[in-house]
Amino acid sequence: MIGKILNIAPITGRQATKREVLKRLSSVSLVHFAAHGCVETGEIALTPDPDRTSTVPTEKEDYILTIRDVLNGQLRAKLVVLSCCHSGRGEIKAEGVVGIARAFMGAGARSVVVSLWAIDDKVTLEFMKCFYRHLAESKPASESLNLAMRSLRESDQFRDIKHWAPFLLIGDDVTFDFIAKERENLNTKSNK
């Protein structure tokens, strides 16, 4: 769904292995995870690697994107969206909350959108569609988030605070120019 809005090819299903995600993280300016998150740390469950999986249960290290995995990478992402339950969670320490969101910031992301609690899939889909439509119009991330919240809050179906308020932007207020990027891609293709 987000790939269609932004006209980009996502990694989904069996292709969304930890190895593939880590390989691509350093080369993109926008990262979106729609997956399950760990209640304590917000760490992200990905697809087990089929090359390493047999009938024996998979080791967590094979499919959980950990804080350490993220910190060991080099990101150039302007925005990481963690559309996963509890992605804003972490261990409370003197220096603040230490979790997956902070790991993305520490690895180089300029901003991260997190969820503060468990989120319903249907509601999240509507929220993210609205958020990305506004982001695709070159609106700042904070404004896009606010407009998505307002849209759900004003709807009959999703007006309860648990639906429209779980997401939070951490870091810089970034914008994207997807239209210019699309033009650039078209020019590159036509010059070949």
N, C-alpha and C. Protein backbone atom coordinates (compact mmCIF):
# COMPACT_ATOMS: atom_id res chain seq x y z
N MET A 1 0.82 -1.19 0.00
CA MET A 1 0.00 0.00 0.00
C MET A 1 0.87 1.26 0.00
N ILE A 2 1.85 1.33 0.85
CA ILE A 2 2.72 2.50 0.91
C ILE A 2 3.57 2.59 -0.34
N GLY A 3 4.01 1.43 -0.83
CA GLY A 3 4.77 1.40 -2.08
C GLY A 3 3.99 2.02 -3.22
N LYS A 4 2.69 1.76 -3.27
CA LYS A 4 1.85 2.35 -4.33
C LYS A 4 1.75 3.86 -4.18
N ILE A 5 1.53 4.33 -2.96
CA ILE A 5 1.40 5.77 -2.72
C ILE A 5 2.68 6.50 -3.12
N LEU A 6 3.83 5.91 -2.79
CA LEU A 6 5.12 6.56 -3.03
C LEU A 6 5.78 6.12 -4.33
N ASN A 7 5.16 5.16 -5.03
CA ASN A 7 5.70 4.64 -6.28
C ASN A 7 7.10 4.05 -6.08
N ILE A 8 7.22 3.20 -5.06
CA ILE A 8 8.47 2.50 -4.80
C ILE A 8 8.18 1.03 -4.56
N ALA A 9 9.16 0.18 -4.81
CA ALA A 9 9.00 -1.26 -4.63
C ALA A 9 9.39 -1.65 -3.20
N PRO A 10 8.45 -2.16 -2.42
CA PRO A 10 8.77 -2.55 -1.04
C PRO A 10 9.35 -3.97 -0.97
N ILE A 11 9.94 -4.29 0.16
CA ILE A 11 10.33 -5.67 0.46
C ILE A 11 9.21 -6.21 1.34
N THR A 12 8.56 -7.27 0.90
CA THR A 12 7.44 -7.82 1.67
C THR A 12 7.54 -9.34 1.75
N GLY A 13 6.73 -9.89 2.65
CA GLY A 13 6.60 -11.34 2.76
C GLY A 13 7.92 -12.05 2.96
N ARG A 14 8.13 -13.12 2.20
CA ARG A 14 9.32 -13.96 2.34
C ARG A 14 10.62 -13.23 2.01
N GLN A 15 10.52 -12.13 1.25
CA GLN A 15 11.73 -11.37 0.91
C GLN A 15 12.20 -10.49 2.07
N ALA A 16 11.34 -10.24 3.03
CA ALA A 16 11.67 -9.33 4.15
C ALA A 16 12.43 -10.05 5.26
N THR A 17 13.54 -10.68 4.88
CA THR A 17 14.38 -11.36 5.86
C THR A 17 15.29 -10.34 6.54
N LYS A 18 15.81 -10.72 7.67
CA LYS A 18 16.72 -9.84 8.40
C LYS A 18 17.93 -9.50 7.54
N ARG A 19 18.48 -10.50 6.86
CA ARG A 19 19.66 -10.26 6.02
C ARG A 19 19.36 -9.25 4.92
N GLU A 20 18.22 -9.39 4.25
CA GLU A 20 17.86 -8.48 3.16
C GLU A 20 17.58 -7.07 3.67
N VAL A 21 16.89 -6.97 4.78
CA VAL A 21 16.59 -5.66 5.37
C VAL A 21 17.88 -4.95 5.76
N LEU A 22 18.77 -5.65 6.44
CA LEU A 22 20.04 -5.05 6.86
C LEU A 22 20.88 -4.62 5.66
N LYS A 23 20.82 -5.40 4.59
CA LYS A 23 21.58 -5.08 3.38
C LYS A 23 21.10 -3.76 2.77
N ARG A 24 19.80 -3.51 2.82
CA ARG A 24 19.22 -2.33 2.17
C ARG A 24 19.12 -1.09 3.06
N LEU A 25 19.19 -1.27 4.35
CA LEU A 25 18.97 -0.14 5.27
C LEU A 25 19.89 1.05 5.01
N SER A 26 21.11 0.79 4.63
CA SER A 26 22.07 1.89 4.47
C SER A 26 21.91 2.67 3.17
N SER A 27 21.05 2.19 2.28
CA SER A 27 20.97 2.83 0.96
C SER A 27 19.67 3.57 0.67
N VAL A 28 18.81 3.70 1.66
CA VAL A 28 17.51 4.33 1.42
C VAL A 28 17.29 5.55 2.32
N SER A 29 16.47 6.47 1.85
CA SER A 29 16.19 7.67 2.65
C SER A 29 14.91 7.56 3.46
N LEU A 30 14.07 6.56 3.13
CA LEU A 30 12.83 6.33 3.87
C LEU A 30 12.72 4.84 4.16
N VAL A 31 12.53 4.51 5.42
CA VAL A 31 12.38 3.12 5.85
C VAL A 31 11.03 3.00 6.53
N HIS A 32 10.25 1.98 6.14
CA HIS A 32 8.96 1.73 6.79
C HIS A 32 8.89 0.27 7.18
N PHE A 33 8.65 0.01 8.45
CA PHE A 33 8.44 -1.35 8.93
C PHE A 33 6.98 -1.50 9.32
N ALA A 34 6.32 -2.51 8.78
CA ALA A 34 4.97 -2.90 9.20
C ALA A 34 5.11 -4.35 9.65
N ALA A 35 5.34 -4.53 10.94
CA ALA A 35 5.64 -5.86 11.47
C ALA A 35 5.25 -5.90 12.94
N HIS A 36 5.59 -7.01 13.58
CA HIS A 36 5.34 -7.14 15.01
C HIS A 36 6.53 -6.59 15.78
N GLY A 37 6.23 -5.91 16.89
CA GLY A 37 7.29 -5.36 17.74
C GLY A 37 7.28 -6.01 19.11
N CYS A 38 8.44 -6.13 19.70
CA CYS A 38 8.61 -6.70 21.05
C CYS A 38 8.07 -5.72 22.09
N VAL A 39 7.30 -6.21 23.02
CA VAL A 39 6.67 -5.37 24.04
C VAL A 39 7.70 -4.60 24.87
N GLU A 40 8.81 -5.23 25.23
CA GLU A 40 9.80 -4.58 26.10
C GLU A 40 10.69 -3.59 25.37
N THR A 41 11.18 -3.96 24.19
CA THR A 41 12.22 -3.16 23.52
C THR A 41 11.80 -2.57 22.19
N GLY A 42 10.68 -3.03 21.65
CA GLY A 42 10.25 -2.57 20.34
C GLY A 42 10.98 -3.25 19.20
N GLU A 43 11.89 -4.18 19.50
CA GLU A 43 12.62 -4.87 18.44
C GLU A 43 11.63 -5.53 17.48
N ILE A 44 12.04 -5.70 16.23
CA ILE A 44 11.10 -6.01 15.15
C ILE A 44 11.26 -7.43 14.63
N ALA A 45 10.13 -8.14 14.51
CA ALA A 45 10.12 -9.49 13.96
C ALA A 45 10.03 -9.43 12.44
N LEU A 46 11.00 -10.05 11.77
CA LEU A 46 11.02 -10.11 10.31
C LEU A 46 10.79 -11.55 9.87
N THR A 47 10.91 -11.81 8.58
CA THR A 47 10.73 -13.16 8.05
C THR A 47 11.98 -13.99 8.32
N PRO A 48 11.82 -15.21 8.84
CA PRO A 48 12.99 -16.08 9.01
C PRO A 48 13.65 -16.34 7.65
N ASP A 49 14.96 -16.41 7.65
CA ASP A 49 15.73 -16.64 6.43
C ASP A 49 15.49 -18.08 5.96
N PRO A 50 14.92 -18.28 4.76
CA PRO A 50 14.63 -19.64 4.30
C PRO A 50 15.89 -20.48 4.11
N ASP A 51 17.03 -19.84 3.85
CA ASP A 51 18.29 -20.58 3.69
C ASP A 51 18.78 -21.16 5.01
N ARG A 52 18.37 -20.57 6.11
CA ARG A 52 18.83 -21.02 7.42
C ARG A 52 17.75 -21.75 8.19
N THR A 53 16.58 -21.89 7.60
CA THR A 53 15.45 -22.48 8.31
C THR A 53 15.18 -23.89 7.81
N SER A 54 14.92 -24.77 8.73
CA SER A 54 14.50 -26.13 8.37
C SER A 54 13.24 -26.41 9.17
N THR A 55 13.01 -27.65 9.52
CA THR A 55 11.84 -27.97 10.34
C THR A 55 12.09 -27.64 11.80
N VAL A 56 13.34 -27.37 12.16
CA VAL A 56 13.70 -26.99 13.52
C VAL A 56 13.31 -25.53 13.74
N PRO A 57 12.75 -25.19 14.90
CA PRO A 57 12.40 -23.79 15.15
C PRO A 57 13.61 -22.86 14.94
N THR A 58 13.35 -21.72 14.40
CA THR A 58 14.38 -20.74 14.08
C THR A 58 14.86 -20.03 15.34
N GLU A 59 16.14 -19.72 15.38
CA GLU A 59 16.70 -18.91 16.47
C GLU A 59 16.23 -17.47 16.31
N LYS A 60 15.96 -16.80 17.41
CA LYS A 60 15.50 -15.40 17.36
C LYS A 60 16.47 -14.51 16.61
N GLU A 61 17.76 -14.77 16.72
CA GLU A 61 18.77 -13.96 16.05
C GLU A 61 18.61 -14.00 14.53
N ASP A 62 17.95 -15.04 14.02
CA ASP A 62 17.77 -15.18 12.57
C ASP A 62 16.68 -14.26 12.02
N TYR A 63 15.76 -13.82 12.86
CA TYR A 63 14.64 -13.04 12.33
C TYR A 63 14.25 -11.80 13.15
N ILE A 64 14.80 -11.60 14.32
CA ILE A 64 14.50 -10.40 15.11
C ILE A 64 15.53 -9.32 14.80
N LEU A 65 15.05 -8.17 14.35
CA LEU A 65 15.93 -7.02 14.13
C LEU A 65 16.15 -6.37 15.49
N THR A 66 17.36 -6.50 15.99
CA THR A 66 17.67 -6.06 17.35
C THR A 66 18.26 -4.66 17.38
N ILE A 67 18.33 -4.12 18.56
CA ILE A 67 18.97 -2.82 18.78
C ILE A 67 20.41 -2.87 18.29
N ARG A 68 21.11 -3.94 18.62
CA ARG A 68 22.51 -4.11 18.21
C ARG A 68 22.64 -4.16 16.69
N ASP A 69 21.72 -4.89 16.02
CA ASP A 69 21.76 -4.95 14.55
C ASP A 69 21.68 -3.55 13.95
N VAL A 70 20.75 -2.77 14.46
CA VAL A 70 20.55 -1.42 13.93
C VAL A 70 21.76 -0.54 14.22
N LEU A 71 22.26 -0.60 15.43
CA LEU A 71 23.41 0.24 15.80
C LEU A 71 24.68 -0.13 15.04
N ASN A 72 24.78 -1.38 14.61
CA ASN A 72 25.95 -1.81 13.83
C ASN A 72 25.88 -1.36 12.38
N GLY A 73 24.74 -0.83 11.96
CA GLY A 73 24.59 -0.37 10.58
C GLY A 73 24.84 1.12 10.46
N GLN A 74 24.93 1.56 9.23
CA GLN A 74 25.07 2.99 8.93
C GLN A 74 23.85 3.40 8.12
N LEU A 75 23.02 4.23 8.69
CA LEU A 75 21.81 4.67 8.00
C LEU A 75 22.01 6.05 7.41
N ARG A 76 21.34 6.29 6.29
CA ARG A 76 21.28 7.63 5.73
C ARG A 76 19.81 8.06 5.64
N ALA A 77 18.95 7.32 6.32
CA ALA A 77 17.52 7.57 6.26
C ALA A 77 17.14 8.91 6.87
N LYS A 78 16.31 9.65 6.13
CA LYS A 78 15.73 10.87 6.69
C LYS A 78 14.63 10.50 7.68
N LEU A 79 13.91 9.41 7.36
CA LEU A 79 12.77 9.01 8.18
C LEU A 79 12.67 7.49 8.25
N VAL A 80 12.50 6.99 9.47
CA VAL A 80 12.21 5.58 9.71
C VAL A 80 10.84 5.54 10.37
N VAL A 81 9.91 4.81 9.77
CA VAL A 81 8.56 4.66 10.33
C VAL A 81 8.43 3.25 10.88
N LEU A 82 8.23 3.15 12.18
CA LEU A 82 8.09 1.86 12.85
C LEU A 82 6.62 1.62 13.14
N SER A 83 5.93 1.10 12.15
CA SER A 83 4.50 0.82 12.26
C SER A 83 4.35 -0.56 12.89
N CYS A 84 4.84 -0.67 14.11
CA CYS A 84 4.88 -1.92 14.87
C CYS A 84 4.42 -1.61 16.29
N CYS A 85 3.71 -2.54 16.88
CA CYS A 85 3.29 -2.34 18.27
C CYS A 85 4.51 -2.08 19.15
N HIS A 86 4.38 -1.15 20.06
CA HIS A 86 5.38 -0.89 21.11
C HIS A 86 6.73 -0.40 20.59
N SER A 87 6.81 0.11 19.37
CA SER A 87 8.12 0.50 18.83
C SER A 87 8.73 1.70 19.55
N GLY A 88 7.95 2.39 20.35
CA GLY A 88 8.48 3.50 21.13
C GLY A 88 8.98 3.07 22.50
N ARG A 89 8.84 1.79 22.79
CA ARG A 89 9.23 1.27 24.10
C ARG A 89 10.73 1.01 24.18
N GLY A 90 11.18 0.77 25.39
CA GLY A 90 12.58 0.42 25.61
C GLY A 90 12.86 0.38 27.10
N GLU A 91 14.10 0.16 27.42
CA GLU A 91 14.53 0.12 28.81
C GLU A 91 14.71 1.56 29.30
N ILE A 92 14.14 1.85 30.46
CA ILE A 92 14.26 3.19 31.05
C ILE A 92 15.61 3.28 31.77
N LYS A 93 16.43 4.21 31.31
CA LYS A 93 17.75 4.42 31.92
C LYS A 93 17.90 5.90 32.24
N ALA A 94 18.98 6.25 32.92
CA ALA A 94 19.22 7.65 33.29
C ALA A 94 19.22 8.55 32.07
N GLU A 95 19.73 8.06 30.94
CA GLU A 95 19.80 8.87 29.72
C GLU A 95 18.53 8.81 28.88
N GLY A 96 17.50 8.14 29.38
CA GLY A 96 16.22 8.10 28.67
C GLY A 96 15.83 6.69 28.28
N VAL A 97 14.91 6.57 27.34
CA VAL A 97 14.41 5.28 26.88
C VAL A 97 15.39 4.72 25.85
N VAL A 98 15.89 3.52 26.12
CA VAL A 98 16.81 2.86 25.20
C VAL A 98 16.07 1.70 24.56
N GLY A 99 15.72 1.88 23.28
CA GLY A 99 14.99 0.86 22.54
C GLY A 99 15.33 0.95 21.07
N ILE A 100 14.53 0.31 20.25
CA ILE A 100 14.81 0.23 18.81
C ILE A 100 14.74 1.62 18.15
N ALA A 101 13.84 2.47 18.59
CA ALA A 101 13.73 3.81 18.00
C ALA A 101 15.02 4.60 18.23
N ARG A 102 15.52 4.54 19.43
CA ARG A 102 16.77 5.25 19.75
C ARG A 102 17.94 4.65 18.96
N ALA A 103 17.90 3.35 18.73
CA ALA A 103 18.95 2.70 17.94
C ALA A 103 18.97 3.26 16.52
N PHE A 104 17.80 3.45 15.93
CA PHE A 104 17.74 4.02 14.58
C PHE A 104 18.30 5.43 14.57
N MET A 105 17.99 6.21 15.58
CA MET A 105 18.54 7.57 15.67
C MET A 105 20.06 7.51 15.82
N GLY A 106 20.54 6.62 16.66
CA GLY A 106 21.97 6.47 16.89
C GLY A 106 22.73 5.98 15.67
N ALA A 107 22.04 5.24 14.81
CA ALA A 107 22.68 4.71 13.59
C ALA A 107 22.66 5.72 12.45
N GLY A 108 22.00 6.86 12.66
CA GLY A 108 22.06 7.91 11.64
C GLY A 108 20.74 8.41 11.09
N ALA A 109 19.62 7.80 11.47
CA ALA A 109 18.32 8.30 10.99
C ALA A 109 18.07 9.70 11.55
N ARG A 110 17.52 10.57 10.73
CA ARG A 110 17.23 11.93 11.20
C ARG A 110 15.96 11.99 12.04
N SER A 111 15.02 11.11 11.75
CA SER A 111 13.78 11.09 12.51
C SER A 111 13.16 9.70 12.47
N VAL A 112 12.34 9.41 13.48
CA VAL A 112 11.69 8.11 13.60
C VAL A 112 10.25 8.33 14.06
N VAL A 113 9.32 7.63 13.42
CA VAL A 113 7.93 7.60 13.88
C VAL A 113 7.74 6.28 14.61
N VAL A 114 7.23 6.36 15.83
CA VAL A 114 7.06 5.17 16.67
C VAL A 114 5.62 5.05 17.14
N SER A 115 5.28 3.85 17.61
CA SER A 115 3.99 3.61 18.25
C SER A 115 4.24 3.40 19.73
N LEU A 116 3.43 4.05 20.54
CA LEU A 116 3.61 3.96 21.99
C LEU A 116 2.88 2.78 22.62
N TRP A 117 1.96 2.16 21.88
CA TRP A 117 1.23 1.01 22.42
C TRP A 117 0.81 0.09 21.30
N ALA A 118 0.12 -1.00 21.67
CA ALA A 118 -0.37 -1.97 20.69
C ALA A 118 -1.36 -1.28 19.77
N ILE A 119 -1.26 -1.57 18.49
CA ILE A 119 -2.08 -0.89 17.49
C ILE A 119 -2.83 -1.91 16.65
N ASP A 120 -4.05 -1.57 16.31
CA ASP A 120 -4.90 -2.41 15.48
C ASP A 120 -4.48 -2.30 14.02
N ASP A 121 -4.40 -3.43 13.33
CA ASP A 121 -3.94 -3.44 11.93
C ASP A 121 -4.80 -2.59 11.01
N LYS A 122 -6.12 -2.71 11.14
CA LYS A 122 -7.03 -1.96 10.27
C LYS A 122 -6.88 -0.45 10.48
N VAL A 123 -6.82 -0.05 11.72
CA VAL A 123 -6.67 1.37 12.06
C VAL A 123 -5.32 1.88 11.56
N THR A 124 -4.27 1.10 11.78
CA THR A 124 -2.93 1.49 11.35
C THR A 124 -2.86 1.66 9.85
N LEU A 125 -3.52 0.79 9.11
CA LEU A 125 -3.55 0.91 7.65
C LEU A 125 -4.16 2.24 7.24
N GLU A 126 -5.29 2.60 7.83
CA GLU A 126 -5.93 3.89 7.51
C GLU A 126 -5.04 5.06 7.91
N PHE A 127 -4.45 4.96 9.09
CA PHE A 127 -3.57 6.03 9.58
C PHE A 127 -2.39 6.23 8.63
N MET A 128 -1.73 5.14 8.28
CA MET A 128 -0.53 5.23 7.44
C MET A 128 -0.87 5.68 6.02
N LYS A 129 -2.01 5.26 5.49
CA LYS A 129 -2.41 5.75 4.15
C LYS A 129 -2.53 7.26 4.17
N CYS A 130 -3.17 7.78 5.19
CA CYS A 130 -3.35 9.23 5.32
C CYS A 130 -2.00 9.93 5.54
N PHE A 131 -1.18 9.40 6.42
CA PHE A 131 0.14 9.97 6.70
C PHE A 131 0.98 10.04 5.42
N TYR A 132 1.05 8.97 4.68
CA TYR A 132 1.90 8.94 3.48
C TYR A 132 1.32 9.76 2.32
N ARG A 133 0.01 9.87 2.24
CA ARG A 133 -0.56 10.76 1.21
C ARG A 133 -0.07 12.19 1.43
N HIS A 134 -0.09 12.62 2.68
CA HIS A 134 0.38 13.98 2.99
C HIS A 134 1.89 14.10 2.83
N LEU A 135 2.63 13.09 3.23
CA LEU A 135 4.09 13.12 3.07
C LEU A 135 4.46 13.16 1.59
N ALA A 136 3.70 12.45 0.75
CA ALA A 136 3.94 12.44 -0.70
C ALA A 136 3.64 13.79 -1.33
N GLU A 137 2.86 14.62 -0.65
CA GLU A 137 2.57 15.98 -1.12
C GLU A 137 3.63 16.97 -0.64
N SER A 138 4.75 16.46 -0.17
CA SER A 138 5.90 17.25 0.33
C SER A 138 5.60 18.03 1.61
N LYS A 139 4.61 17.56 2.36
CA LYS A 139 4.35 18.17 3.67
C LYS A 139 5.36 17.62 4.67
N PRO A 140 5.75 18.41 5.67
CA PRO A 140 6.68 17.92 6.70
C PRO A 140 6.09 16.72 7.44
N ALA A 141 6.96 15.89 7.98
CA ALA A 141 6.52 14.69 8.69
C ALA A 141 5.59 15.03 9.85
N SER A 142 5.89 16.10 10.60
CA SER A 142 5.04 16.47 11.74
C SER A 142 3.64 16.86 11.29
N GLU A 143 3.56 17.62 10.20
CA GLU A 143 2.26 18.02 9.68
C GLU A 143 1.50 16.82 9.13
N SER A 144 2.20 15.94 8.43
CA SER A 144 1.57 14.72 7.90
C SER A 144 1.03 13.86 9.02
N LEU A 145 1.79 13.74 10.10
CA LEU A 145 1.35 12.97 11.26
C LEU A 145 0.13 13.63 11.91
N ASN A 146 0.18 14.94 12.07
CA ASN A 146 -0.93 15.68 12.66
C ASN A 146 -2.20 15.55 11.82
N LEU A 147 -2.06 15.65 10.50
CA LEU A 147 -3.23 15.54 9.62
C LEU A 147 -3.81 14.13 9.65
N ALA A 148 -2.96 13.11 9.75
CA ALA A 148 -3.46 11.73 9.86
C ALA A 148 -4.20 11.55 11.19
N MET A 149 -3.65 12.10 12.26
CA MET A 149 -4.32 12.02 13.57
C MET A 149 -5.68 12.70 13.51
N ARG A 150 -5.70 13.89 12.94
CA ARG A 150 -6.94 14.65 12.85
C ARG A 150 -7.98 13.92 12.01
N SER A 151 -7.55 13.33 10.91
CA SER A 151 -8.46 12.60 10.03
C SER A 151 -9.13 11.45 10.77
N LEU A 152 -8.35 10.67 11.51
CA LEU A 152 -8.93 9.56 12.26
C LEU A 152 -9.79 10.06 13.41
N ARG A 153 -9.34 11.09 14.10
CA ARG A 153 -10.09 11.64 15.24
C ARG A 153 -11.46 12.16 14.80
N GLU A 154 -11.53 12.69 13.59
CA GLU A 154 -12.78 13.25 13.09
C GLU A 154 -13.69 12.21 12.43
N SER A 155 -13.20 10.99 12.27
CA SER A 155 -14.04 9.95 11.67
C SER A 155 -14.90 9.29 12.75
N ASP A 156 -16.05 8.78 12.35
CA ASP A 156 -16.92 8.10 13.31
C ASP A 156 -16.29 6.80 13.80
N GLN A 157 -15.64 6.10 12.90
CA GLN A 157 -15.12 4.77 13.21
C GLN A 157 -13.88 4.78 14.11
N PHE A 158 -13.02 5.80 13.98
CA PHE A 158 -11.73 5.78 14.66
C PHE A 158 -11.51 6.97 15.61
N ARG A 159 -12.58 7.57 16.12
CA ARG A 159 -12.42 8.78 16.94
C ARG A 159 -11.87 8.52 18.34
N ASP A 160 -11.90 7.27 18.81
CA ASP A 160 -11.36 6.94 20.13
C ASP A 160 -9.85 7.21 20.14
N ILE A 161 -9.36 7.79 21.22
CA ILE A 161 -7.95 8.18 21.33
C ILE A 161 -6.98 7.02 21.09
N LYS A 162 -7.38 5.80 21.43
CA LYS A 162 -6.48 4.65 21.24
C LYS A 162 -6.17 4.42 19.76
N HIS A 163 -7.03 4.94 18.87
CA HIS A 163 -6.82 4.76 17.43
C HIS A 163 -5.94 5.83 16.81
N TRP A 164 -6.13 7.08 17.19
CA TRP A 164 -5.45 8.16 16.47
C TRP A 164 -4.21 8.70 17.18
N ALA A 165 -3.98 8.31 18.44
CA ALA A 165 -2.89 8.92 19.20
C ALA A 165 -1.65 8.07 19.47
N PRO A 166 -1.51 6.85 18.95
CA PRO A 166 -0.34 6.07 19.36
C PRO A 166 0.98 6.51 18.73
N PHE A 167 0.93 7.23 17.62
CA PHE A 167 2.17 7.53 16.89
C PHE A 167 2.80 8.85 17.31
N LEU A 168 4.13 8.84 17.34
CA LEU A 168 4.91 9.97 17.81
C LEU A 168 6.13 10.13 16.89
N LEU A 169 6.46 11.37 16.55
CA LEU A 169 7.64 11.67 15.74
C LEU A 169 8.78 12.08 16.66
N ILE A 170 9.92 11.43 16.50
CA ILE A 170 11.13 11.73 17.27
C ILE A 170 12.18 12.25 16.29
N GLY A 171 12.84 13.35 16.62
CA GLY A 171 13.92 13.85 15.78
C GLY A 171 13.51 15.04 14.93
N ASP A 172 14.16 15.17 13.78
CA ASP A 172 13.95 16.31 12.88
C ASP A 172 12.60 16.23 12.17
N ASP A 173 12.10 17.37 11.76
CA ASP A 173 10.86 17.45 11.00
C ASP A 173 11.21 17.45 9.51
N VAL A 174 11.31 16.26 8.93
CA VAL A 174 11.82 16.10 7.57
C VAL A 174 10.70 16.21 6.53
N THR A 175 11.10 16.52 5.30
CA THR A 175 10.19 16.51 4.15
C THR A 175 10.84 15.71 3.04
N PHE A 176 10.02 15.26 2.10
CA PHE A 176 10.49 14.52 0.93
C PHE A 176 9.91 15.17 -0.31
N ASP A 177 10.65 15.11 -1.39
CA ASP A 177 10.15 15.60 -2.67
C ASP A 177 10.05 14.40 -3.61
N PHE A 178 8.98 13.63 -3.45
CA PHE A 178 8.79 12.42 -4.26
C PHE A 178 8.54 12.75 -5.72
N ILE A 179 7.93 13.89 -6.00
CA ILE A 179 7.66 14.28 -7.38
C ILE A 179 8.97 14.54 -8.11
N ALA A 180 9.89 15.25 -7.49
CA ALA A 180 11.20 15.50 -8.11
C ALA A 180 11.96 14.19 -8.29
N LYS A 181 11.87 13.29 -7.33
CA LYS A 181 12.53 11.99 -7.41
C LYS A 181 11.98 11.19 -8.57
N GLU A 182 10.64 11.23 -8.74
CA GLU A 182 10.02 10.51 -9.85
C GLU A 182 10.49 11.09 -11.19
N ARG A 183 10.55 12.41 -11.28
CA ARG A 183 11.06 13.06 -12.50
C ARG A 183 12.50 12.65 -12.78
N GLU A 184 13.31 12.61 -11.72
CA GLU A 184 14.71 12.21 -11.84
C GLU A 184 14.81 10.77 -12.36
N ASN A 185 13.97 9.88 -11.83
CA ASN A 185 13.96 8.49 -12.29
C ASN A 185 13.55 8.39 -13.75
N LEU A 186 12.55 9.17 -14.15
CA LEU A 186 12.10 9.16 -15.55
C LEU A 186 13.20 9.68 -16.47
N ASN A 187 13.89 10.73 -16.07
CA ASN A 187 14.98 11.27 -16.87
C ASN A 187 16.12 10.27 -17.01
N THR A 188 16.44 9.57 -15.93
CA THR A 188 17.49 8.56 -15.96
C THR A 188 17.12 7.44 -16.92
N LYS A 189 15.87 6.99 -16.87
CA LYS A 189 15.41 5.91 -17.76
C LYS A 189 15.41 6.36 -19.22
N SER A 190 15.00 7.59 -19.49
CA SER A 190 14.93 8.06 -20.87
C SER A 190 16.31 8.34 -21.46
N ASN A 191 17.32 8.56 -20.62
CA ASN A 191 18.68 8.80 -21.10
C ASN A 191 19.44 7.51 -21.38
N LYS A 192 18.89 6.38 -21.04
CA LYS A 192 19.57 5.09 -21.26
C LYS A 192 19.37 4.60 -22.66
